[in-house]
């Protein structure tokens, strides 16, 4: 028998109570009345996730990870760049203290110790004024400092010049950075990266790499 588009099976049994309670019609003498039972089982919800639901959850997690991981990486690099800039500011203070002890003259240091081993290194000249070897390492530098002793390069044009009047021959070096990252450690949002740089007046600025 079809009821509402579904196959049903009719089961007959004697009704000990009036049929009116079910059908609204009188049931004299407890006649046999049909009761319909659906042949289709009622689906029941299991306690676990289906395969499709798990795949959807995994896909959502993968999308979120692809969005958030670059953000976390940029935030981590920004923190490293800020720490590097703080190191250079400390070097600026050390340079001023050195000049106070040496008649206002800047130190003579090797720009790259491996190439000029006869000159004092930055660590040797400024180390007594920093008292912290970690200040000579940029957090984004993993190799350079191991061979050169520092992540930062000193501009050799400043060797022995007076702090208040840094003139090399006829070239005024006031607007020239005296110390900066030895290499392009920081991304800085540009394809070629950039360097933190220190000026003699103590300020530090990020210099993006100029594309060729």
Protein backbone atom coordinates (compact mmCIF):
# COMPACT_ATOMS: atom_id res chain seq x y z
CA UNK A 1 0.00 0.00 0.00
CA UNK A 2 1.28 3.49 -0.88
CA UNK A 3 0.84 6.32 1.64
CA UNK A 4 2.33 9.69 0.87
CA UNK A 5 4.61 8.19 -1.79
CA UNK A 6 6.03 5.55 0.59
CA UNK A 7 5.37 1.82 0.77
CA UNK A 8 3.67 0.75 3.98
CA UNK A 9 2.63 -2.61 5.36
CA UNK A 10 -0.74 -3.12 6.96
CA UNK A 11 -0.86 -5.23 10.12
CA UNK A 12 -4.18 -6.34 11.56
CA UNK A 13 -4.81 -6.84 15.22
CA UNK A 14 -7.79 -6.75 17.52
CA UNK A 15 -8.26 -3.37 19.12
CA UNK A 16 -9.38 -3.77 22.76
CA UNK A 17 -10.19 -0.05 22.88
CA UNK A 18 -12.54 1.97 20.68
CA UNK A 19 -11.27 2.77 17.19
CA UNK A 20 -12.56 6.30 17.67
CA UNK A 21 -9.50 6.98 19.81
CA UNK A 22 -7.39 6.54 16.65
CA UNK A 23 -9.62 7.18 13.66
CA UNK A 24 -12.48 9.17 15.11
CA UNK A 25 -14.95 6.48 13.92
CA UNK A 26 -16.92 4.13 16.09
CA UNK A 27 -15.61 0.57 16.52
CA UNK A 28 -18.47 -1.61 17.67
CA UNK A 29 -17.48 -4.87 19.25
CA UNK A 30 -13.74 -4.46 18.86
CA UNK A 31 -13.54 -5.22 15.12
CA UNK A 32 -10.22 -5.85 13.49
CA UNK A 33 -8.78 -2.49 12.38
CA UNK A 34 -5.78 -1.88 10.15
CA UNK A 35 -2.72 -0.17 11.60
CA UNK A 36 -0.12 1.14 9.13
CA UNK A 37 3.53 0.60 9.83
CA UNK A 38 6.16 2.26 7.65
CA UNK A 39 8.58 -0.14 6.01
CA UNK A 40 11.34 2.53 5.75
CA UNK A 41 13.65 2.63 8.80
CA UNK A 42 14.04 5.92 10.66
CA UNK A 43 17.64 7.10 10.29
CA UNK A 44 19.47 7.66 13.56
CA UNK A 45 22.36 10.10 14.10
CA UNK A 46 25.58 8.42 15.19
CA UNK A 47 27.83 10.02 17.79
CA UNK A 48 30.91 10.56 15.52
CA UNK A 49 31.78 12.74 12.53
CA UNK A 50 31.26 11.59 8.99
CA UNK A 51 34.17 11.51 6.54
CA UNK A 52 32.83 14.54 4.66
CA UNK A 53 32.58 16.56 7.86
CA UNK A 54 36.17 15.70 8.78
CA UNK A 55 37.39 16.71 5.33
CA UNK A 56 35.57 20.03 5.61
CA UNK A 57 37.15 20.72 9.00
CA UNK A 58 40.62 19.85 7.67
CA UNK A 59 40.10 22.14 4.67
CA UNK A 60 39.07 25.04 6.93
CA UNK A 61 42.13 24.52 9.15
CA UNK A 62 44.40 24.46 6.10
CA UNK A 63 42.91 27.72 4.79
CA UNK A 64 43.32 29.44 8.17
CA UNK A 65 46.90 28.20 8.45
CA UNK A 66 47.77 29.54 4.98
CA UNK A 67 46.42 32.94 6.04
CA UNK A 68 47.89 33.14 9.55
CA UNK A 69 51.37 31.63 9.10
CA UNK A 70 52.66 34.47 6.86
CA UNK A 71 51.26 36.97 9.36
CA UNK A 72 53.12 35.25 12.20
CA UNK A 73 56.33 35.16 10.14
CA UNK A 74 56.09 38.88 9.39
CA UNK A 75 55.47 39.69 13.04
CA UNK A 76 58.47 37.58 14.07
CA UNK A 77 60.74 39.30 11.53
CA UNK A 78 59.47 42.71 12.62
CA UNK A 79 60.43 41.86 16.20
CA UNK A 80 63.92 40.80 15.05
CA UNK A 81 64.34 44.01 13.07
CA UNK A 82 63.34 46.08 16.10
CA UNK A 83 65.81 44.19 18.28
CA UNK A 84 68.54 44.79 15.68
CA UNK A 85 67.78 48.52 15.64
CA UNK A 86 68.00 48.56 19.44
CA UNK A 87 71.46 46.96 19.22
CA UNK A 88 72.63 49.72 16.89
CA UNK A 89 71.32 52.43 19.22
CA UNK A 90 73.40 50.87 21.99
CA UNK A 91 76.42 51.01 19.68
CA UNK A 92 75.71 54.69 19.13
CA UNK A 93 75.92 55.28 22.90
CA UNK A 94 79.12 53.24 23.05
CA UNK A 95 80.66 55.38 20.30
CA UNK A 96 79.90 58.53 22.26
CA UNK A 97 81.47 57.10 25.41
CA UNK A 98 84.52 56.01 23.44
CA UNK A 99 84.94 59.53 22.02
CA UNK A 100 84.70 61.03 25.50
CA UNK A 101 87.64 58.86 26.56
CA UNK A 102 89.70 59.53 23.38
CA UNK A 103 89.67 63.31 22.91
CA UNK A 104 86.52 63.30 20.79
CA UNK A 105 87.93 60.97 18.14
CA UNK A 106 86.08 58.02 16.69
CA UNK A 107 87.65 54.56 17.00
CA UNK A 108 89.71 52.94 14.28
CA UNK A 109 88.05 49.60 13.57
CA UNK A 110 88.03 46.98 10.85
CA UNK A 111 85.12 47.23 8.45
CA UNK A 112 85.37 43.46 7.97
CA UNK A 113 87.82 41.74 10.33
CA UNK A 114 88.50 38.80 8.01
CA UNK A 115 89.82 41.22 5.34
CA UNK A 116 91.76 43.59 7.63
CA UNK A 117 92.96 41.44 10.55
CA UNK A 118 95.56 44.04 11.57
CA UNK A 119 92.86 46.50 12.73
CA UNK A 120 90.90 46.18 15.99
CA UNK A 121 87.49 44.57 15.68
CA UNK A 122 84.30 46.30 16.68
CA UNK A 123 84.06 44.00 19.68
CA UNK A 124 87.54 44.97 20.85
CA UNK A 125 86.97 48.72 20.47
CA UNK A 126 83.39 49.02 21.74
CA UNK A 127 83.09 45.89 23.89
CA UNK A 128 84.29 47.66 27.08
CA UNK A 129 81.44 50.19 26.65
CA UNK A 130 78.65 47.72 25.92
CA UNK A 131 79.48 44.87 28.32
CA UNK A 132 77.16 42.64 26.30
CA UNK A 133 78.38 40.47 23.44
CA UNK A 134 74.79 39.86 22.28
CA UNK A 135 74.62 43.48 21.09
CA UNK A 136 77.02 42.59 18.27
CA UNK A 137 74.68 40.02 16.80
CA UNK A 138 71.55 40.72 14.77
CA UNK A 139 68.78 38.22 15.62
CA UNK A 140 68.25 37.57 11.89
CA UNK A 141 71.94 36.76 11.30
CA UNK A 142 72.73 33.06 11.68
CA UNK A 143 76.16 32.70 10.07
CA UNK A 144 78.00 35.97 9.39
CA UNK A 145 78.67 36.86 13.02
CA UNK A 146 80.33 33.49 13.60
CA UNK A 147 83.23 34.34 11.27
CA UNK A 148 83.37 38.15 11.66
CA UNK A 149 82.50 38.44 15.34
CA UNK A 150 79.66 40.88 14.63
CA UNK A 151 76.61 41.20 12.40
CA UNK A 152 77.33 44.88 11.80
CA UNK A 153 79.72 46.60 9.47
CA UNK A 154 81.69 49.71 10.37
CA UNK A 155 82.22 52.33 7.64
CA UNK A 156 86.01 52.69 7.54
CA UNK A 157 85.83 56.31 6.33
CA UNK A 158 85.05 57.31 9.92
CA UNK A 159 88.23 55.79 11.38
CA UNK A 160 89.92 58.33 13.62
CA UNK A 161 87.70 61.27 12.60
CA UNK A 162 86.40 63.74 15.19
CA UNK A 163 82.86 63.00 16.31
CA UNK A 164 81.67 66.60 16.06
CA UNK A 165 83.19 67.20 12.61
CA UNK A 166 83.46 63.97 10.60
CA UNK A 167 85.05 65.22 7.38
CA UNK A 168 86.99 62.83 5.17
CA UNK A 169 89.22 65.06 3.04
CA UNK A 170 86.54 67.47 1.79
CA UNK A 171 83.56 65.12 2.19
CA UNK A 172 81.26 65.85 5.13
CA UNK A 173 80.09 62.49 6.49
CA UNK A 174 77.44 63.86 8.84
CA UNK A 175 74.62 62.51 6.67
CA UNK A 176 76.36 59.18 6.05
CA UNK A 177 75.59 56.16 8.27
CA UNK A 178 78.63 55.01 10.23
CA UNK A 179 77.45 51.48 11.07
CA UNK A 180 74.87 49.17 9.51
CA UNK A 181 73.90 45.54 9.01
CA UNK A 182 76.70 43.75 7.19
CA UNK A 183 74.16 42.09 4.90
CA UNK A 184 70.47 42.37 4.04
CA UNK A 185 69.16 40.44 7.01
CA UNK A 186 65.66 41.92 7.05
CA UNK A 187 62.83 41.55 4.56
CA UNK A 188 61.10 44.77 5.48
CA UNK A 189 58.25 44.09 3.05
CA UNK A 190 60.51 44.48 -0.01
CA UNK A 191 61.73 41.79 -2.36
CA UNK A 192 65.40 42.62 -1.81
CA UNK A 193 65.25 43.21 1.93
CA UNK A 194 67.03 46.04 3.71
CA UNK A 195 69.47 47.08 6.43
CA UNK A 196 69.25 48.91 9.72
CA UNK A 197 71.74 51.80 9.79
CA UNK A 198 73.20 54.00 12.55
CA UNK A 199 74.20 57.65 12.22
CA UNK A 200 76.67 59.49 14.44
CA UNK A 201 73.88 61.49 16.09
CA UNK A 202 72.50 58.18 17.42
CA UNK A 203 69.40 57.75 15.30
CA UNK A 204 68.71 54.47 13.48
CA UNK A 205 66.77 54.05 10.26
CA UNK A 206 65.84 51.16 8.02
CA UNK A 207 67.29 51.40 4.50
CA UNK A 208 65.52 49.28 1.85
CA UNK A 209 67.70 47.70 -0.77
CA UNK A 210 67.74 49.56 -4.05
CA UNK A 211 66.86 47.26 -6.92
CA UNK A 212 69.40 46.97 -9.72
